[in-house]
C-alpha cells in the first residue's frame, strides 16, 4: 500500500497491489492504513492539518 499526497489539492491517492487507485479528497474521509497500523484512525483533514502546520 502506498499513499501519494497532493498538498496543493489536499488529495490522497491510495495505491494497493492489484486494485484500482482510490482517491480521498473529502476532509472527513478515513484513510486506509496497512494491517500493522490498524489502530490508526486518520482522516484526510487530520493529515493535511498536520502537514500544513
C-alpha atoms as a PDB file:
ATOM      1  CA  UNK A   1       0.000   0.000   0.000  1.00  0.00           C
ATOM      2  CA  UNK A   2       1.201   3.471  -0.779  1.00  0.00           C
ATOM      3  CA  UNK A   3      -0.103   6.993  -0.462  1.00  0.00           C
ATOM      4  CA  UNK A   4       0.580   9.800  -2.900  1.00  0.00           C
ATOM      5  CA  UNK A   5      -0.204  13.085  -1.154  1.00  0.00           C
ATOM      6  CA  UNK A   6      -1.066  16.156  -3.234  1.00  0.00           C
ATOM      7  CA  UNK A   7      -0.671  19.146  -0.913  1.00  0.00           C
ATOM      8  CA  UNK A   8      -1.994  21.679  -3.419  1.00  0.00           C
ATOM      9  CA  UNK A   9      -5.256  19.816  -3.990  1.00  0.00           C
ATOM     10  CA  UNK A  10      -5.446  18.321  -0.474  1.00  0.00           C
ATOM     11  CA  UNK A  11      -5.975  14.909  -2.016  1.00  0.00           C
ATOM     12  CA  UNK A  12      -4.564  11.494  -1.140  1.00  0.00           C
ATOM     13  CA  UNK A  13      -4.236   8.773  -3.770  1.00  0.00           C
ATOM     14  CA  UNK A  14      -4.061   5.289  -2.270  1.00  0.00           C
ATOM     15  CA  UNK A  15      -2.326   2.543  -4.245  1.00  0.00           C
ATOM     16  CA  UNK A  16      -2.750  -1.139  -3.399  1.00  0.00           C
ATOM     17  CA  UNK A  17      -1.487  -4.169  -5.299  1.00  0.00           C
ATOM     18  CA  UNK A  18      -3.904  -5.440  -7.963  1.00  0.00           C
ATOM     19  CA  UNK A  19      -6.547  -2.805  -7.125  1.00  0.00           C
ATOM     20  CA  UNK A  20      -7.684   0.425  -8.713  1.00  0.00           C
ATOM     21  CA  UNK A  21      -6.285   3.638  -7.280  1.00  0.00           C
ATOM     22  CA  UNK A  22      -8.564   5.197  -4.675  1.00  0.00           C
ATOM     23  CA  UNK A  23      -8.886   8.972  -4.337  1.00  0.00           C
ATOM     24  CA  UNK A  24      -9.587  10.599  -0.977  1.00  0.00           C
ATOM     25  CA  UNK A  25     -10.393  14.305  -1.098  1.00  0.00           C
ATOM     26  CA  UNK A  26     -13.132  14.798   1.493  1.00  0.00           C
ATOM     27  CA  UNK A  27     -11.738  16.129   4.766  1.00  0.00           C
ATOM     28  CA  UNK A  28     -13.752  13.717   6.929  1.00  0.00           C
ATOM     29  CA  UNK A  29     -12.839  10.615   4.865  1.00  0.00           C
ATOM     30  CA  UNK A  30     -10.985   7.994   6.883  1.00  0.00           C
ATOM     31  CA  UNK A  31      -7.754   6.943   5.178  1.00  0.00           C
ATOM     32  CA  UNK A  32      -6.995   3.241   4.788  1.00  0.00           C
ATOM     33  CA  UNK A  33      -3.893   2.007   6.576  1.00  0.00           C
ATOM     34  CA  UNK A  34      -1.883  -1.223   6.417  1.00  0.00           C
ATOM     35  CA  UNK A  35      -2.865  -4.008   8.800  1.00  0.00           C
ATOM     36  CA  UNK A  36       0.118  -3.362  11.109  1.00  0.00           C
ATOM     37  CA  UNK A  37      -1.290   0.151  11.768  1.00  0.00           C
ATOM     38  CA  UNK A  38      -4.932  -0.896  12.076  1.00  0.00           C
ATOM     39  CA  UNK A  39      -5.403   1.107  15.288  1.00  0.00           C
ATOM     40  CA  UNK A  40      -4.548   4.356  13.482  1.00  0.00           C
ATOM     41  CA  UNK A  41      -7.628   6.442  12.719  1.00  0.00           C
ATOM     42  CA  UNK A  42      -6.557   9.223  10.355  1.00  0.00           C
ATOM     43  CA  UNK A  43      -8.808  11.399   8.213  1.00  0.00           C
ATOM     44  CA  UNK A  44      -7.785  13.444   5.198  1.00  0.00           C
ATOM     45  CA  UNK A  45      -8.384  16.598   7.255  1.00  0.00           C
ATOM     46  CA  UNK A  46      -6.188  15.344  10.103  1.00  0.00           C
ATOM     47  CA  UNK A  47      -3.373  14.511   7.696  1.00  0.00           C
ATOM     48  CA  UNK A  48      -3.367  17.898   5.976  1.00  0.00           C
ATOM     49  CA  UNK A  49      -3.759  19.820   9.233  1.00  0.00           C
ATOM     50  CA  UNK A  50      -0.621  18.076  10.482  1.00  0.00           C
ATOM     51  CA  UNK A  51       1.339  18.513   7.232  1.00  0.00           C
ATOM     52  CA  UNK A  52       0.429  22.170   6.722  1.00  0.00           C
ATOM     53  CA  UNK A  53       1.211  23.347  10.289  1.00  0.00           C
END
